Amino acid sequence: MEYAGCGWMRQYSEHSSQAFQIQAHHIGDAADLGVVPNIITRHSLFMPIHT
């Protein structure tokens, strides 16, 4: 996948694609705990919901 403004993200994503998929699989459960924003921030794959 291509991440705008994040050229290095491609290598990082490809390197930890499996790890991310596993975490992404549990995002649903994490949403209830409010951990989603933390995961998103650490992976920097999505734009911050609250700036």
N, C-alpha and C. Protein backbone atom coordinates (compact mmCIF):
# COMPACT_ATOMS: atom_id res chain seq x y z
N MET A 1 0.83 -1.20 0.00
CA MET A 1 0.00 0.00 0.00
C MET A 1 0.87 1.26 0.00
N GLU A 2 0.31 2.34 -0.52
CA GLU A 2 1.05 3.60 -0.56
C GLU A 2 0.52 4.55 0.52
N TYR A 3 1.41 5.12 1.32
CA TYR A 3 0.98 6.05 2.37
C TYR A 3 1.49 7.45 2.02
N ALA A 4 0.56 8.34 1.69
CA ALA A 4 0.94 9.70 1.29
C ALA A 4 1.79 10.37 2.36
N GLY A 5 2.92 10.95 1.95
CA GLY A 5 3.77 11.67 2.90
C GLY A 5 4.48 10.76 3.88
N CYS A 6 4.43 9.47 3.65
CA CYS A 6 5.08 8.53 4.57
C CYS A 6 5.81 7.47 3.75
N GLY A 7 6.86 7.88 3.04
CA GLY A 7 7.59 6.93 2.20
C GLY A 7 8.17 5.79 3.02
N TRP A 8 8.71 6.11 4.22
CA TRP A 8 9.31 5.08 5.06
C TRP A 8 8.26 4.12 5.61
N MET A 9 6.99 4.57 5.61
CA MET A 9 5.93 3.71 6.14
C MET A 9 5.80 2.44 5.32
N ARG A 10 6.08 2.51 4.02
CA ARG A 10 5.95 1.31 3.19
C ARG A 10 6.85 0.20 3.71
N GLN A 11 8.11 0.52 3.96
CA GLN A 11 9.04 -0.49 4.45
C GLN A 11 8.59 -1.00 5.82
N TYR A 12 8.18 -0.07 6.68
CA TYR A 12 7.74 -0.45 8.02
C TYR A 12 6.50 -1.32 7.94
N SER A 13 5.57 -0.95 7.05
CA SER A 13 4.32 -1.70 6.92
C SER A 13 4.60 -3.10 6.40
N GLU A 14 5.45 -3.19 5.39
CA GLU A 14 5.77 -4.50 4.82
C GLU A 14 6.51 -5.36 5.84
N HIS A 15 7.32 -4.72 6.68
CA HIS A 15 8.12 -5.46 7.65
C HIS A 15 7.24 -6.02 8.77
N SER A 16 6.26 -5.24 9.19
CA SER A 16 5.40 -5.68 10.30
C SER A 16 3.96 -5.82 9.83
N SER A 17 3.80 -6.28 8.59
CA SER A 17 2.45 -6.42 8.04
C SER A 17 1.65 -7.43 8.87
N GLN A 18 2.26 -8.56 9.18
CA GLN A 18 1.56 -9.59 9.95
C GLN A 18 1.21 -9.07 11.34
N ALA A 19 2.16 -8.42 12.00
CA ALA A 19 1.93 -7.91 13.34
C ALA A 19 0.79 -6.90 13.33
N PHE A 20 0.78 -6.04 12.31
CA PHE A 20 -0.27 -5.03 12.24
C PHE A 20 -1.63 -5.68 11.99
N GLN A 21 -1.67 -6.67 11.12
CA GLN A 21 -2.93 -7.34 10.83
C GLN A 21 -3.50 -7.96 12.10
N ILE A 22 -2.62 -8.55 12.92
CA ILE A 22 -3.07 -9.16 14.17
C ILE A 22 -3.68 -8.09 15.08
N GLN A 23 -2.99 -6.95 15.21
CA GLN A 23 -3.51 -5.88 16.06
C GLN A 23 -4.78 -5.31 15.46
N ALA A 24 -4.78 -5.12 14.12
CA ALA A 24 -5.96 -4.57 13.45
C ALA A 24 -7.15 -5.48 13.67
N HIS A 25 -6.89 -6.78 13.79
CA HIS A 25 -7.96 -7.75 13.99
C HIS A 25 -8.62 -7.54 15.35
N HIS A 26 -7.85 -7.01 16.30
CA HIS A 26 -8.37 -6.79 17.65
C HIS A 26 -8.79 -5.35 17.88
N ILE A 27 -8.73 -4.52 16.83
CA ILE A 27 -9.10 -3.10 16.98
C ILE A 27 -10.53 -2.99 17.49
N GLY A 28 -11.40 -3.89 17.03
CA GLY A 28 -12.80 -3.85 17.46
C GLY A 28 -12.90 -3.93 18.97
N ASP A 29 -12.19 -4.89 19.58
CA ASP A 29 -12.23 -5.03 21.03
C ASP A 29 -11.54 -3.84 21.70
N ALA A 30 -10.45 -3.38 21.11
CA ALA A 30 -9.69 -2.27 21.69
C ALA A 30 -10.53 -0.99 21.70
N ALA A 31 -11.44 -0.87 20.72
CA ALA A 31 -12.26 0.34 20.64
C ALA A 31 -13.02 0.56 21.95
N ASP A 32 -13.52 -0.54 22.52
CA ASP A 32 -14.27 -0.41 23.77
C ASP A 32 -13.36 0.06 24.90
N LEU A 33 -12.09 -0.29 24.84
CA LEU A 33 -11.16 0.08 25.90
C LEU A 33 -10.53 1.45 25.64
N GLY A 34 -10.76 1.98 24.43
CA GLY A 34 -10.19 3.28 24.11
C GLY A 34 -8.71 3.19 23.78
N VAL A 35 -8.28 2.02 23.34
CA VAL A 35 -6.87 1.83 23.01
C VAL A 35 -6.60 2.12 21.54
N VAL A 36 -7.65 2.20 20.75
CA VAL A 36 -7.49 2.42 19.32
C VAL A 36 -6.63 3.64 19.00
N PRO A 37 -6.92 4.82 19.59
CA PRO A 37 -6.12 6.01 19.30
C PRO A 37 -4.64 5.76 19.56
N ASN A 38 -4.33 5.01 20.60
CA ASN A 38 -2.94 4.71 20.94
C ASN A 38 -2.30 3.86 19.85
N ILE A 39 -3.00 2.82 19.41
CA ILE A 39 -2.48 1.94 18.36
C ILE A 39 -2.26 2.73 17.08
N ILE A 40 -3.25 3.54 16.70
CA ILE A 40 -3.16 4.33 15.48
C ILE A 40 -1.97 5.28 15.55
N THR A 41 -1.79 5.91 16.70
CA THR A 41 -0.69 6.87 16.85
C THR A 41 0.65 6.17 16.75
N ARG A 42 0.78 5.02 17.38
CA ARG A 42 2.06 4.31 17.38
C ARG A 42 2.41 3.80 15.99
N HIS A 43 1.41 3.42 15.22
CA HIS A 43 1.68 2.92 13.87
C HIS A 43 1.72 4.04 12.85
N SER A 44 1.10 5.18 13.19
CA SER A 44 1.12 6.33 12.29
C SER A 44 0.56 5.96 10.92
N LEU A 45 -0.41 5.06 10.89
CA LEU A 45 -1.00 4.64 9.62
C LEU A 45 -2.20 5.50 9.27
N PHE A 46 -2.81 6.12 10.29
CA PHE A 46 -4.00 6.92 10.04
C PHE A 46 -3.82 8.32 10.62
N MET A 47 -4.59 9.26 10.09
CA MET A 47 -4.51 10.63 10.61
C MET A 47 -5.14 10.69 12.00
N PRO A 48 -4.55 11.43 12.93
CA PRO A 48 -5.11 11.55 14.28
C PRO A 48 -6.55 12.06 14.25
N ILE A 49 -7.44 11.41 14.98
CA ILE A 49 -8.84 11.84 15.00
C ILE A 49 -8.94 13.21 15.67
N HIS A 50 -8.20 13.39 16.77
CA HIS A 50 -8.23 14.67 17.47
C HIS A 50 -6.83 15.27 17.46
N THR A 51 -6.70 16.47 16.86
CA THR A 51 -5.38 17.10 16.76
C THR A 51 -5.19 18.09 17.89
